[in-house]
């Protein structure tokens, strides 16, 4: 019997890049799905369609309002090697709607940084290679050397402060409640993307 050999991490990343889209293509996809009352993903539901519509509105707002400080912009412009950010996500993911516009804003400041988006449910093997605390949590950003394809680092699925909030709450109460999710949304609004910017700046200079 012939043995089935799984793809290497490099091959999975390469396949993900081949079927990836740029940020504007992803935004158009989400906007169209929101209008149609649909969502991405292997399973569609009324709830996921609702979150897709909510995320479309959120990203529209953040695309216009996200601010990056002059100090952070100067650091971003110091990146001299080609870097690809490959992000696994789905249209219904609330954390992705909060952070993808920031990733796009950073990438737009330096032509050496390329942002590519791929749908998680279409690439389960790739997702399995980059789990967050053993789960298929999204968004998941994989930072790649744009020349060699080497994995330089990863980020996700939440900004570091928000991730700590979630971890602490789960440890204390077992699961996330609707009230906590509302508190997390308020945190995102108050933070205005700065924790994500700081996390991603650290990622840019890992190697």
N, C-alpha and C. Protein backbone atom coordinates (compact mmCIF):
# COMPACT_ATOMS: atom_id res chain seq x y z
N UNK A 1 0.85 -1.20 0.00
CA UNK A 1 0.00 0.00 0.00
C UNK A 1 0.89 1.25 0.00
N UNK A 2 0.58 2.16 -0.89
CA UNK A 2 1.40 3.37 -1.01
C UNK A 2 1.16 4.30 0.17
N UNK A 3 2.23 4.78 0.75
CA UNK A 3 2.12 5.67 1.91
C UNK A 3 1.87 7.10 1.44
N UNK A 4 0.88 7.74 2.05
CA UNK A 4 0.56 9.13 1.72
C UNK A 4 1.43 10.05 2.58
N UNK A 5 2.21 10.86 1.93
CA UNK A 5 3.10 11.78 2.64
C UNK A 5 2.49 13.18 2.62
N UNK A 6 2.35 13.77 3.80
CA UNK A 6 1.78 15.11 3.88
C UNK A 6 2.73 16.15 3.32
N UNK A 7 2.18 17.28 2.97
CA UNK A 7 2.99 18.37 2.43
C UNK A 7 3.83 19.01 3.53
N UNK A 8 4.97 19.53 3.13
CA UNK A 8 5.82 20.24 4.08
C UNK A 8 5.22 21.61 4.38
N UNK A 9 5.70 22.22 5.45
CA UNK A 9 5.25 23.57 5.80
C UNK A 9 5.49 24.53 4.64
N UNK A 10 6.65 24.42 4.01
CA UNK A 10 6.99 25.30 2.89
C UNK A 10 5.99 25.13 1.75
N UNK A 11 5.62 23.88 1.46
CA UNK A 11 4.66 23.61 0.37
C UNK A 11 3.27 24.14 0.72
N UNK A 12 2.86 23.99 1.97
CA UNK A 12 1.55 24.48 2.40
C UNK A 12 1.49 26.00 2.31
N UNK A 13 2.56 26.66 2.72
CA UNK A 13 2.62 28.13 2.63
C UNK A 13 2.57 28.56 1.17
N UNK A 14 3.33 27.86 0.33
CA UNK A 14 3.35 28.19 -1.10
C UNK A 14 1.96 28.05 -1.71
N UNK A 15 1.25 26.97 -1.37
CA UNK A 15 -0.11 26.77 -1.88
C UNK A 15 -1.05 27.87 -1.39
N UNK A 16 -0.87 28.26 -0.11
CA UNK A 16 -1.68 29.34 0.44
C UNK A 16 -1.47 30.64 -0.30
N UNK A 17 -0.22 30.94 -0.60
CA UNK A 17 0.10 32.17 -1.34
C UNK A 17 -0.51 32.16 -2.73
N UNK A 18 -0.50 30.98 -3.37
CA UNK A 18 -1.02 30.87 -4.74
C UNK A 18 -2.51 31.22 -4.80
N UNK A 19 -3.24 30.87 -3.76
CA UNK A 19 -4.69 31.13 -3.77
C UNK A 19 -5.08 32.34 -2.93
N UNK A 20 -4.08 33.12 -2.52
CA UNK A 20 -4.36 34.29 -1.67
C UNK A 20 -4.83 35.48 -2.49
N UNK A 21 -5.35 36.47 -1.81
CA UNK A 21 -5.81 37.71 -2.44
C UNK A 21 -5.19 38.89 -1.71
N UNK A 22 -5.20 40.05 -2.37
CA UNK A 22 -4.71 41.23 -1.66
C UNK A 22 -5.83 41.80 -0.79
N UNK A 23 -5.52 42.82 -0.03
CA UNK A 23 -6.49 43.35 0.94
C UNK A 23 -7.73 43.91 0.26
N UNK A 24 -7.55 44.63 -0.84
CA UNK A 24 -8.70 45.22 -1.52
C UNK A 24 -9.62 44.15 -2.10
N UNK A 25 -9.03 43.07 -2.59
CA UNK A 25 -9.84 41.95 -3.08
C UNK A 25 -10.63 41.32 -1.94
N UNK A 26 -10.00 41.19 -0.79
CA UNK A 26 -10.68 40.65 0.38
C UNK A 26 -11.81 41.57 0.83
N UNK A 27 -11.55 42.86 0.86
CA UNK A 27 -12.58 43.82 1.27
C UNK A 27 -13.78 43.77 0.33
N UNK A 28 -13.51 43.65 -0.97
CA UNK A 28 -14.59 43.56 -1.95
C UNK A 28 -15.39 42.28 -1.74
N UNK A 29 -14.70 41.18 -1.48
CA UNK A 29 -15.37 39.90 -1.21
C UNK A 29 -16.30 40.03 -0.01
N UNK A 30 -15.80 40.59 1.08
CA UNK A 30 -16.61 40.73 2.30
C UNK A 30 -17.80 41.66 2.06
N UNK A 31 -17.57 42.75 1.35
CA UNK A 31 -18.66 43.71 1.06
C UNK A 31 -19.75 43.05 0.23
N UNK A 32 -19.36 42.27 -0.77
CA UNK A 32 -20.34 41.59 -1.62
C UNK A 32 -21.11 40.53 -0.83
N UNK A 33 -20.41 39.79 0.01
CA UNK A 33 -21.08 38.78 0.84
C UNK A 33 -22.05 39.44 1.82
N UNK A 34 -21.66 40.59 2.36
CA UNK A 34 -22.54 41.32 3.29
C UNK A 34 -23.83 41.74 2.59
N UNK A 35 -23.70 42.20 1.35
CA UNK A 35 -24.88 42.61 0.57
C UNK A 35 -25.78 41.42 0.26
N UNK A 36 -25.16 40.26 0.06
CA UNK A 36 -25.92 39.05 -0.30
C UNK A 36 -26.45 38.30 0.93
N UNK A 37 -26.08 38.76 2.13
CA UNK A 37 -26.49 38.06 3.34
C UNK A 37 -25.81 36.72 3.50
N UNK A 38 -24.53 36.68 3.10
CA UNK A 38 -23.77 35.42 3.15
C UNK A 38 -22.47 35.62 3.93
N UNK A 39 -21.65 34.56 3.97
CA UNK A 39 -20.34 34.64 4.62
C UNK A 39 -19.39 33.68 3.93
N UNK A 40 -18.10 33.82 4.23
CA UNK A 40 -17.14 32.81 3.78
C UNK A 40 -17.22 31.63 4.74
N UNK A 41 -16.46 30.59 4.46
CA UNK A 41 -16.42 29.45 5.37
C UNK A 41 -17.14 28.24 4.84
N UNK A 42 -16.81 27.08 5.38
CA UNK A 42 -17.40 25.82 4.93
C UNK A 42 -18.84 25.67 5.37
N UNK A 43 -19.23 26.39 6.41
CA UNK A 43 -20.62 26.37 6.89
C UNK A 43 -21.13 27.81 6.95
N UNK A 44 -22.30 28.04 6.37
CA UNK A 44 -22.91 29.38 6.43
C UNK A 44 -24.14 29.33 7.32
N UNK A 45 -24.39 30.43 8.01
CA UNK A 45 -25.56 30.52 8.88
C UNK A 45 -26.00 31.97 8.97
N UNK A 46 -27.18 32.18 9.52
CA UNK A 46 -27.69 33.53 9.71
C UNK A 46 -26.76 34.34 10.62
N UNK A 47 -26.25 33.66 11.66
CA UNK A 47 -25.36 34.33 12.62
C UNK A 47 -24.06 34.77 11.95
N UNK A 48 -23.46 33.88 11.15
CA UNK A 48 -22.20 34.21 10.47
C UNK A 48 -22.41 35.31 9.43
N UNK A 49 -23.58 35.31 8.80
CA UNK A 49 -23.91 36.37 7.84
C UNK A 49 -24.02 37.71 8.55
N UNK A 50 -24.63 37.69 9.73
CA UNK A 50 -24.76 38.92 10.53
C UNK A 50 -23.38 39.46 10.89
N UNK A 51 -22.48 38.59 11.35
CA UNK A 51 -21.14 39.04 11.73
C UNK A 51 -20.35 39.53 10.52
N UNK A 52 -20.58 38.91 9.36
CA UNK A 52 -19.93 39.38 8.13
C UNK A 52 -20.35 40.80 7.81
N UNK A 53 -21.64 41.06 7.94
CA UNK A 53 -22.16 42.42 7.67
C UNK A 53 -21.59 43.42 8.68
N UNK A 54 -21.56 43.01 9.94
CA UNK A 54 -21.01 43.87 11.00
C UNK A 54 -19.52 44.16 10.75
N UNK A 55 -18.78 43.14 10.35
CA UNK A 55 -17.34 43.30 10.10
C UNK A 55 -17.07 44.18 8.88
N UNK A 56 -17.93 44.08 7.88
CA UNK A 56 -17.77 44.94 6.71
C UNK A 56 -17.89 46.41 7.12
N UNK A 57 -18.88 46.71 7.94
CA UNK A 57 -19.06 48.09 8.43
C UNK A 57 -17.87 48.52 9.29
N UNK A 58 -17.39 47.61 10.14
CA UNK A 58 -16.28 47.91 11.03
C UNK A 58 -15.00 48.20 10.23
N UNK A 59 -14.72 47.38 9.23
CA UNK A 59 -13.52 47.58 8.43
C UNK A 59 -13.59 48.86 7.60
N UNK A 60 -14.79 49.18 7.10
CA UNK A 60 -14.96 50.44 6.37
C UNK A 60 -14.59 51.62 7.26
N UNK A 61 -15.04 51.55 8.50
CA UNK A 61 -14.74 52.64 9.45
C UNK A 61 -13.25 52.69 9.78
N UNK A 62 -12.68 51.54 10.09
CA UNK A 62 -11.27 51.50 10.49
C UNK A 62 -10.33 51.86 9.34
N UNK A 63 -10.70 51.49 8.13
CA UNK A 63 -9.88 51.86 6.96
C UNK A 63 -9.70 53.38 6.90
N UNK A 64 -10.71 54.10 7.36
CA UNK A 64 -10.67 55.57 7.32
C UNK A 64 -10.06 56.19 8.57
N UNK A 65 -10.21 55.53 9.71
CA UNK A 65 -9.87 56.19 10.98
C UNK A 65 -8.58 55.73 11.64
N UNK A 66 -8.03 54.59 11.25
CA UNK A 66 -6.81 54.09 11.89
C UNK A 66 -5.66 55.08 11.70
N UNK A 67 -5.02 55.43 12.79
CA UNK A 67 -3.87 56.35 12.75
C UNK A 67 -2.62 55.61 13.22
N UNK A 68 -1.53 55.83 12.51
CA UNK A 68 -0.23 55.28 12.91
C UNK A 68 0.71 56.44 13.17
N UNK A 69 1.33 56.45 14.33
CA UNK A 69 2.17 57.59 14.73
C UNK A 69 3.37 57.76 13.79
N UNK A 70 3.90 58.97 13.79
CA UNK A 70 5.07 59.27 12.96
C UNK A 70 6.25 58.41 13.36
N UNK A 71 6.37 58.15 14.67
CA UNK A 71 7.47 57.32 15.17
C UNK A 71 7.35 55.89 14.64
N UNK A 72 6.13 55.34 14.69
CA UNK A 72 5.91 53.98 14.18
C UNK A 72 6.11 53.93 12.67
N UNK A 73 5.64 54.96 11.98
CA UNK A 73 5.80 55.00 10.52
C UNK A 73 7.28 55.01 10.14
N UNK A 74 8.08 55.76 10.89
CA UNK A 74 9.53 55.81 10.61
C UNK A 74 10.16 54.43 10.76
N UNK A 75 9.72 53.68 11.78
CA UNK A 75 10.24 52.32 11.99
C UNK A 75 9.81 51.39 10.85
N UNK A 76 8.56 51.52 10.44
CA UNK A 76 8.04 50.69 9.35
C UNK A 76 8.84 50.92 8.07
N UNK A 77 9.19 52.17 7.82
CA UNK A 77 9.91 52.51 6.59
C UNK A 77 11.37 52.06 6.61
N UNK A 78 11.85 51.62 7.77
CA UNK A 78 13.23 51.12 7.87
C UNK A 78 13.36 49.66 7.40
N UNK A 79 12.25 49.00 7.18
CA UNK A 79 12.30 47.60 6.72
C UNK A 79 12.84 47.57 5.29
N UNK A 80 13.96 46.90 5.10
CA UNK A 80 14.61 46.91 3.78
C UNK A 80 14.49 45.57 3.05
N UNK A 81 14.19 44.48 3.77
CA UNK A 81 14.06 43.21 3.06
C UNK A 81 12.59 42.94 2.74
N UNK A 82 12.38 42.15 1.71
CA UNK A 82 11.03 41.82 1.28
C UNK A 82 10.36 40.89 2.29
N UNK A 83 9.19 41.29 2.74
CA UNK A 83 8.43 40.49 3.72
C UNK A 83 7.01 40.30 3.20
N UNK A 84 6.51 39.09 3.35
CA UNK A 84 5.11 38.81 3.01
C UNK A 84 4.37 38.46 4.29
N UNK A 85 3.25 39.11 4.50
CA UNK A 85 2.35 38.75 5.60
C UNK A 85 1.19 37.97 5.01
N UNK A 86 1.15 36.67 5.28
CA UNK A 86 0.05 35.82 4.82
C UNK A 86 -0.90 35.63 5.99
N UNK A 87 -2.14 36.07 5.83
CA UNK A 87 -3.10 36.07 6.94
C UNK A 87 -4.25 35.11 6.66
N UNK A 88 -4.44 34.16 7.55
CA UNK A 88 -5.59 33.24 7.50
C UNK A 88 -6.76 33.89 8.23
N UNK A 89 -7.92 33.90 7.58
CA UNK A 89 -9.08 34.53 8.22
C UNK A 89 -10.37 34.02 7.59
N UNK A 90 -11.50 34.54 8.07
CA UNK A 90 -12.83 34.33 7.47
C UNK A 90 -13.62 35.62 7.66
N UNK A 91 -14.61 35.83 6.82
CA UNK A 91 -15.35 37.10 6.83
C UNK A 91 -16.07 37.38 8.14
N UNK A 92 -16.44 36.33 8.88
CA UNK A 92 -17.24 36.50 10.10
C UNK A 92 -16.40 36.78 11.34
N UNK A 93 -15.07 36.73 11.21
CA UNK A 93 -14.18 36.83 12.37
C UNK A 93 -14.05 38.27 12.86
N UNK A 94 -14.55 38.52 14.07
CA UNK A 94 -14.54 39.87 14.63
C UNK A 94 -13.15 40.40 14.92
N UNK A 95 -12.25 39.54 15.42
CA UNK A 95 -10.89 39.98 15.71
C UNK A 95 -10.15 40.36 14.43
N UNK A 96 -10.44 39.66 13.34
CA UNK A 96 -9.81 39.99 12.05
C UNK A 96 -10.27 41.36 11.56
N UNK A 97 -11.54 41.66 11.75
CA UNK A 97 -12.06 42.97 11.32
C UNK A 97 -11.39 44.10 12.08
N UNK A 98 -10.97 43.82 13.30
CA UNK A 98 -10.29 44.84 14.12
C UNK A 98 -8.83 45.02 13.72
N UNK A 99 -8.20 44.00 13.17
CA UNK A 99 -6.75 44.04 12.96
C UNK A 99 -6.29 44.06 11.51
N UNK A 100 -7.06 43.49 10.59
CA UNK A 100 -6.65 43.50 9.18
C UNK A 100 -6.47 44.92 8.62
N UNK A 101 -7.37 45.87 8.94
CA UNK A 101 -7.14 47.24 8.44
C UNK A 101 -5.81 47.83 8.92
N UNK A 102 -5.37 47.43 10.11
CA UNK A 102 -4.08 47.92 10.63
C UNK A 102 -2.94 47.28 9.86
N UNK A 103 -3.03 45.98 9.62
CA UNK A 103 -2.01 45.31 8.81
C UNK A 103 -1.89 45.97 7.45
N UNK A 104 -3.04 46.27 6.84
CA UNK A 104 -3.03 46.91 5.53
C UNK A 104 -2.40 48.29 5.57
N UNK A 105 -2.71 49.05 6.61
CA UNK A 105 -2.16 50.41 6.75
C UNK A 105 -0.63 50.35 6.87
N UNK A 106 -0.13 49.39 7.64
CA UNK A 106 1.32 49.22 7.80
C UNK A 106 1.96 48.83 6.47
N UNK A 107 1.38 47.84 5.80
CA UNK A 107 1.94 47.37 4.52
C UNK A 107 1.96 48.48 3.47
N UNK A 108 0.96 49.36 3.52
CA UNK A 108 0.88 50.46 2.55
C UNK A 108 2.00 51.48 2.74
N UNK A 109 2.64 51.46 3.90
CA UNK A 109 3.70 52.43 4.19
C UNK A 109 5.09 52.00 3.70
N UNK A 110 5.20 50.75 3.27
CA UNK A 110 6.50 50.26 2.81
C UNK A 110 6.29 49.21 1.73
N UNK A 111 6.78 49.47 0.53
CA UNK A 111 6.58 48.54 -0.59
C UNK A 111 7.28 47.20 -0.38
N UNK A 112 8.15 47.12 0.62
CA UNK A 112 8.82 45.85 0.92
C UNK A 112 7.91 44.89 1.70
N UNK A 113 6.79 45.41 2.20
CA UNK A 113 5.85 44.58 2.96
C UNK A 113 4.62 44.30 2.10
N UNK A 114 4.34 43.04 1.88
CA UNK A 114 3.19 42.64 1.06
C UNK A 114 2.18 41.89 1.93
N UNK A 115 0.93 42.34 1.90
CA UNK A 115 -0.13 41.69 2.69
C UNK A 115 -0.98 40.81 1.78
N UNK A 116 -1.09 39.55 2.12
CA UNK A 116 -1.91 38.60 1.37
C UNK A 116 -2.89 37.92 2.33
N UNK A 117 -4.09 37.68 1.86
CA UNK A 117 -5.15 37.12 2.70
C UNK A 117 -5.63 35.80 2.09
N UNK A 118 -5.80 34.79 2.94
CA UNK A 118 -6.28 33.49 2.48
C UNK A 118 -7.35 33.00 3.46
N UNK A 119 -8.34 32.28 2.94
CA UNK A 119 -9.44 31.81 3.78
C UNK A 119 -9.06 30.52 4.51
N UNK A 120 -9.27 30.53 5.81
CA UNK A 120 -8.86 29.40 6.65
C UNK A 120 -9.49 28.08 6.24
N UNK A 121 -10.80 28.07 6.03
CA UNK A 121 -11.50 26.80 5.81
C UNK A 121 -11.09 26.13 4.50
N UNK A 122 -10.51 26.91 3.58
CA UNK A 122 -10.01 26.34 2.34
C UNK A 122 -8.61 25.78 2.47
N UNK A 123 -7.97 26.03 3.63
CA UNK A 123 -6.58 25.60 3.84
C UNK A 123 -6.38 25.03 5.25
N UNK A 124 -7.12 23.95 5.57
CA UNK A 124 -7.04 23.40 6.93
C UNK A 124 -5.64 22.89 7.31
N UNK A 125 -4.90 22.34 6.33
CA UNK A 125 -3.56 21.82 6.66
C UNK A 125 -2.60 22.96 7.00
N UNK A 126 -2.73 24.07 6.27
CA UNK A 126 -1.90 25.24 6.57
C UNK A 126 -2.25 25.77 7.96
N UNK A 127 -3.54 25.84 8.26
CA UNK A 127 -3.98 26.32 9.57
C UNK A 127 -3.44 25.42 10.68
N UNK A 128 -3.43 24.11 10.44
CA UNK A 128 -2.92 23.16 11.45
C UNK A 128 -1.45 23.39 11.78
N UNK A 129 -0.72 23.96 10.83
CA UNK A 129 0.71 24.23 11.05
C UNK A 129 0.93 25.46 11.93
N UNK A 130 -0.10 26.31 12.03
CA UNK A 130 0.08 27.58 12.73
C UNK A 130 -1.05 27.82 13.74
N UNK A 131 -1.23 26.87 14.63
CA UNK A 131 -2.27 26.97 15.65
C UNK A 131 -1.90 28.01 16.71
N UNK A 132 -2.92 28.57 17.34
CA UNK A 132 -2.71 29.47 18.47
C UNK A 132 -3.19 28.76 19.73
N UNK A 133 -2.27 28.42 20.62
CA UNK A 133 -2.61 27.67 21.84
C UNK A 133 -3.39 26.41 21.53
N UNK A 134 -2.99 25.74 20.44
CA UNK A 134 -3.62 24.48 20.07
C UNK A 134 -4.94 24.60 19.36
N UNK A 135 -5.38 25.81 19.02
CA UNK A 135 -6.66 26.00 18.35
C UNK A 135 -6.48 26.67 16.99
N UNK A 136 -7.49 26.52 16.13
CA UNK A 136 -7.45 27.10 14.79
C UNK A 136 -7.95 28.54 14.79
N UNK A 137 -7.53 29.30 15.78
CA UNK A 137 -8.01 30.67 15.97
C UNK A 137 -7.50 31.59 14.86
N UNK A 138 -8.37 32.50 14.44
CA UNK A 138 -8.03 33.48 13.41
C UNK A 138 -8.37 34.88 13.92
N UNK A 139 -7.74 35.89 13.34
CA UNK A 139 -6.78 35.85 12.23
C UNK A 139 -5.44 35.29 12.69
N UNK A 140 -4.74 34.67 11.76
CA UNK A 140 -3.38 34.19 12.02
C UNK A 140 -2.47 34.74 10.94
N UNK A 141 -1.52 35.56 11.36
CA UNK A 141 -0.57 36.16 10.43
C UNK A 141 0.72 35.36 10.43
N UNK A 142 1.15 34.94 9.24
CA UNK A 142 2.42 34.24 9.07
C UNK A 142 3.36 35.20 8.35
N UNK A 143 4.46 35.55 8.99
CA UNK A 143 5.43 36.46 8.39
C UNK A 143 6.48 35.65 7.64
N UNK A 144 6.66 35.97 6.35
CA UNK A 144 7.54 35.20 5.47
C UNK A 144 8.63 36.06 4.86
N UNK A 145 9.79 35.47 4.67
CA UNK A 145 10.83 36.12 3.87
C UNK A 145 10.34 36.12 2.43
N UNK A 146 10.22 37.31 1.85
CA UNK A 146 9.66 37.43 0.51
C UNK A 146 10.50 36.81 -0.58
N UNK A 147 11.76 36.53 -0.29
CA UNK A 147 12.67 35.93 -1.28
C UNK A 147 12.73 34.42 -1.14
N UNK A 148 12.98 33.95 0.07
CA UNK A 148 13.17 32.51 0.28
C UNK A 148 11.89 31.76 0.66
N UNK A 149 10.90 32.49 1.17
CA UNK A 149 9.68 31.85 1.65
C UNK A 149 9.81 31.32 3.07
N UNK A 150 10.95 31.56 3.70
CA UNK A 150 11.17 31.10 5.08
C UNK A 150 10.20 31.78 6.04
N UNK A 151 9.67 31.01 6.98
CA UNK A 151 8.79 31.57 8.00
C UNK A 151 9.65 32.34 9.01
N UNK A 152 9.36 33.63 9.15
CA UNK A 152 10.12 34.49 10.06
C UNK A 152 9.47 34.60 11.44
N UNK A 153 8.16 34.45 11.47
CA UNK A 153 7.43 34.59 12.73
C UNK A 153 5.94 34.48 12.48
N UNK A 154 5.16 34.57 13.55
CA UNK A 154 3.70 34.51 13.42
C UNK A 154 3.06 35.38 14.48
N UNK A 155 1.81 35.74 14.21
CA UNK A 155 1.07 36.60 15.14
C UNK A 155 -0.40 36.19 15.08
N UNK A 156 -1.07 36.30 16.21
CA UNK A 156 -2.50 36.03 16.24
C UNK A 156 -2.86 35.15 17.43
N UNK A 157 -4.12 35.08 17.69
CA UNK A 157 -5.17 35.64 16.87
C UNK A 157 -5.68 37.00 17.39
N UNK A 158 -5.08 37.48 18.45
CA UNK A 158 -5.47 38.77 19.01
C UNK A 158 -4.23 39.57 19.39
N UNK A 159 -4.37 40.91 19.51
CA UNK A 159 -3.28 41.71 20.06
C UNK A 159 -2.88 41.18 21.44
N UNK A 160 -1.63 41.36 21.83
CA UNK A 160 -1.10 40.72 23.04
C UNK A 160 -1.89 41.06 24.30
N UNK A 161 -2.32 42.31 24.45
CA UNK A 161 -3.08 42.69 25.65
C UNK A 161 -4.45 42.01 25.66
N UNK A 162 -5.12 42.03 24.50
CA UNK A 162 -6.43 41.38 24.39
C UNK A 162 -6.31 39.87 24.62
N UNK A 163 -5.24 39.28 24.10
CA UNK A 163 -5.01 37.84 24.28
C UNK A 163 -4.86 37.49 25.76
N UNK A 164 -4.17 38.35 26.49
CA UNK A 164 -4.00 38.15 27.94
C UNK A 164 -5.33 38.29 28.66
N UNK A 165 -6.15 39.27 28.25
CA UNK A 165 -7.47 39.44 28.85
C UNK A 165 -8.32 38.19 28.66
N UNK A 166 -8.30 37.64 27.44
CA UNK A 166 -9.08 36.44 27.13
C UNK A 166 -8.57 35.24 27.93
N UNK A 167 -7.26 35.08 27.96
CA UNK A 167 -6.65 33.96 28.70
C UNK A 167 -7.00 34.02 30.18
N UNK A 168 -6.89 35.19 30.77
CA UNK A 168 -7.19 35.35 32.20
C UNK A 168 -8.66 35.08 32.48
N UNK A 169 -9.54 35.55 31.60
CA UNK A 169 -10.99 35.37 31.81
C UNK A 169 -11.37 33.89 31.70
N UNK A 170 -10.81 33.22 30.68
CA UNK A 170 -11.10 31.79 30.51
C UNK A 170 -10.58 30.98 31.70
N UNK A 171 -9.43 31.36 32.20
CA UNK A 171 -8.84 30.65 33.35
C UNK A 171 -9.73 30.79 34.59
N UNK A 172 -10.34 31.97 34.72
CA UNK A 172 -11.16 32.24 35.90
C UNK A 172 -12.59 31.71 35.76
N UNK A 173 -13.17 31.85 34.55
CA UNK A 173 -14.59 31.53 34.38
C UNK A 173 -14.88 30.36 33.44
N UNK A 174 -13.86 29.87 32.75
CA UNK A 174 -14.06 28.70 31.89
C UNK A 174 -14.37 29.01 30.45
N UNK A 175 -15.20 30.01 30.21
CA UNK A 175 -15.54 30.38 28.83
C UNK A 175 -15.86 31.87 28.76
N UNK A 176 -15.88 32.39 27.53
CA UNK A 176 -16.15 33.81 27.32
C UNK A 176 -17.65 34.06 27.31
N UNK A 177 -18.09 35.04 28.06
CA UNK A 177 -19.51 35.39 28.11
C UNK A 177 -19.79 36.54 27.14
N UNK A 178 -21.06 36.80 26.92
CA UNK A 178 -21.46 37.93 26.06
C UNK A 178 -20.99 39.24 26.66
N UNK A 179 -21.03 39.32 27.99
CA UNK A 179 -20.59 40.54 28.68
C UNK A 179 -19.09 40.78 28.46
N UNK A 180 -18.31 39.70 28.53
CA UNK A 180 -16.87 39.85 28.31
C UNK A 180 -16.60 40.28 26.88
N UNK A 181 -17.31 39.69 25.92
CA UNK A 181 -17.10 40.04 24.51
C UNK A 181 -17.40 41.52 24.28
N UNK A 182 -18.39 42.04 25.01
CA UNK A 182 -18.70 43.46 24.92
C UNK A 182 -17.55 44.29 25.51
N UNK A 183 -17.01 43.83 26.63
CA UNK A 183 -15.86 44.52 27.24
C UNK A 183 -14.66 44.51 26.30
N UNK A 184 -14.48 43.39 25.60
CA UNK A 184 -13.36 43.28 24.66
C UNK A 184 -13.53 44.26 23.50
N UNK A 185 -14.77 44.41 23.04
CA UNK A 185 -15.06 45.38 21.98
C UNK A 185 -14.74 46.80 22.45
N UNK A 186 -15.10 47.10 23.68
CA UNK A 186 -14.80 48.42 24.24
C UNK A 186 -13.29 48.64 24.34
N UNK A 187 -12.57 47.56 24.68
CA UNK A 187 -11.10 47.67 24.73
C UNK A 187 -10.54 47.99 23.36
N UNK A 188 -11.02 47.29 22.33
CA UNK A 188 -10.56 47.55 20.97
C UNK A 188 -10.81 49.02 20.59
N UNK A 189 -12.00 49.51 20.93
CA UNK A 189 -12.34 50.90 20.60
C UNK A 189 -11.42 51.89 21.30
N UNK A 190 -11.12 51.60 22.56
CA UNK A 190 -10.26 52.50 23.35
C UNK A 190 -8.80 52.43 22.89
N UNK A 191 -8.35 51.24 22.56
CA UNK A 191 -6.94 51.03 22.16
C UNK A 191 -6.62 51.65 20.80
N UNK A 192 -7.63 51.73 19.93
CA UNK A 192 -7.48 52.34 18.59
C UNK A 192 -6.36 51.70 17.77
N UNK A 193 -6.15 50.41 17.98
CA UNK A 193 -5.19 49.67 17.16
C UNK A 193 -3.74 49.76 17.57
N UNK A 194 -3.45 50.49 18.65
CA UNK A 194 -2.05 50.74 19.01
C UNK A 194 -1.33 49.48 19.49
N UNK A 195 -2.02 48.62 20.23
CA UNK A 195 -1.40 47.37 20.68
C UNK A 195 -1.04 46.48 19.48
N UNK A 196 -1.93 46.44 18.50
CA UNK A 196 -1.67 45.67 17.28
C UNK A 196 -0.47 46.23 16.53
N UNK A 197 -0.41 47.55 16.40
CA UNK A 197 0.72 48.20 15.73
C UNK A 197 2.03 47.82 16.42
N UNK A 198 2.06 47.90 17.74
CA UNK A 198 3.27 47.58 18.49
C UNK A 198 3.67 46.11 18.32
N UNK A 199 2.68 45.22 18.36
CA UNK A 199 2.95 43.80 18.16
C UNK A 199 3.57 43.55 16.78
N UNK A 200 2.98 44.17 15.77
CA UNK A 200 3.43 43.94 14.40
C UNK A 200 4.78 44.58 14.12
N UNK A 201 5.06 45.70 14.78
CA UNK A 201 6.39 46.30 14.66
C UNK A 201 7.45 45.34 15.20
N UNK A 202 7.15 44.71 16.33
CA UNK A 202 8.08 43.73 16.91
C UNK A 202 8.29 42.57 15.94
N UNK A 203 7.21 42.14 15.29
CA UNK A 203 7.28 41.03 14.34
C UNK A 203 8.16 41.38 13.14
N UNK A 204 8.10 42.62 12.70
CA UNK A 204 8.89 43.05 11.53
C UNK A 204 10.38 42.93 11.76
N UNK A 205 10.78 43.08 13.01
CA UNK A 205 12.22 43.10 13.30
C UNK A 205 12.69 41.88 14.09
N UNK A 206 11.96 40.75 13.93
CA UNK A 206 12.34 39.52 14.63
C UNK A 206 13.68 38.99 14.13
N UNK A 207 13.89 39.07 12.80
CA UNK A 207 15.13 38.52 12.22
C UNK A 207 15.74 39.54 11.28
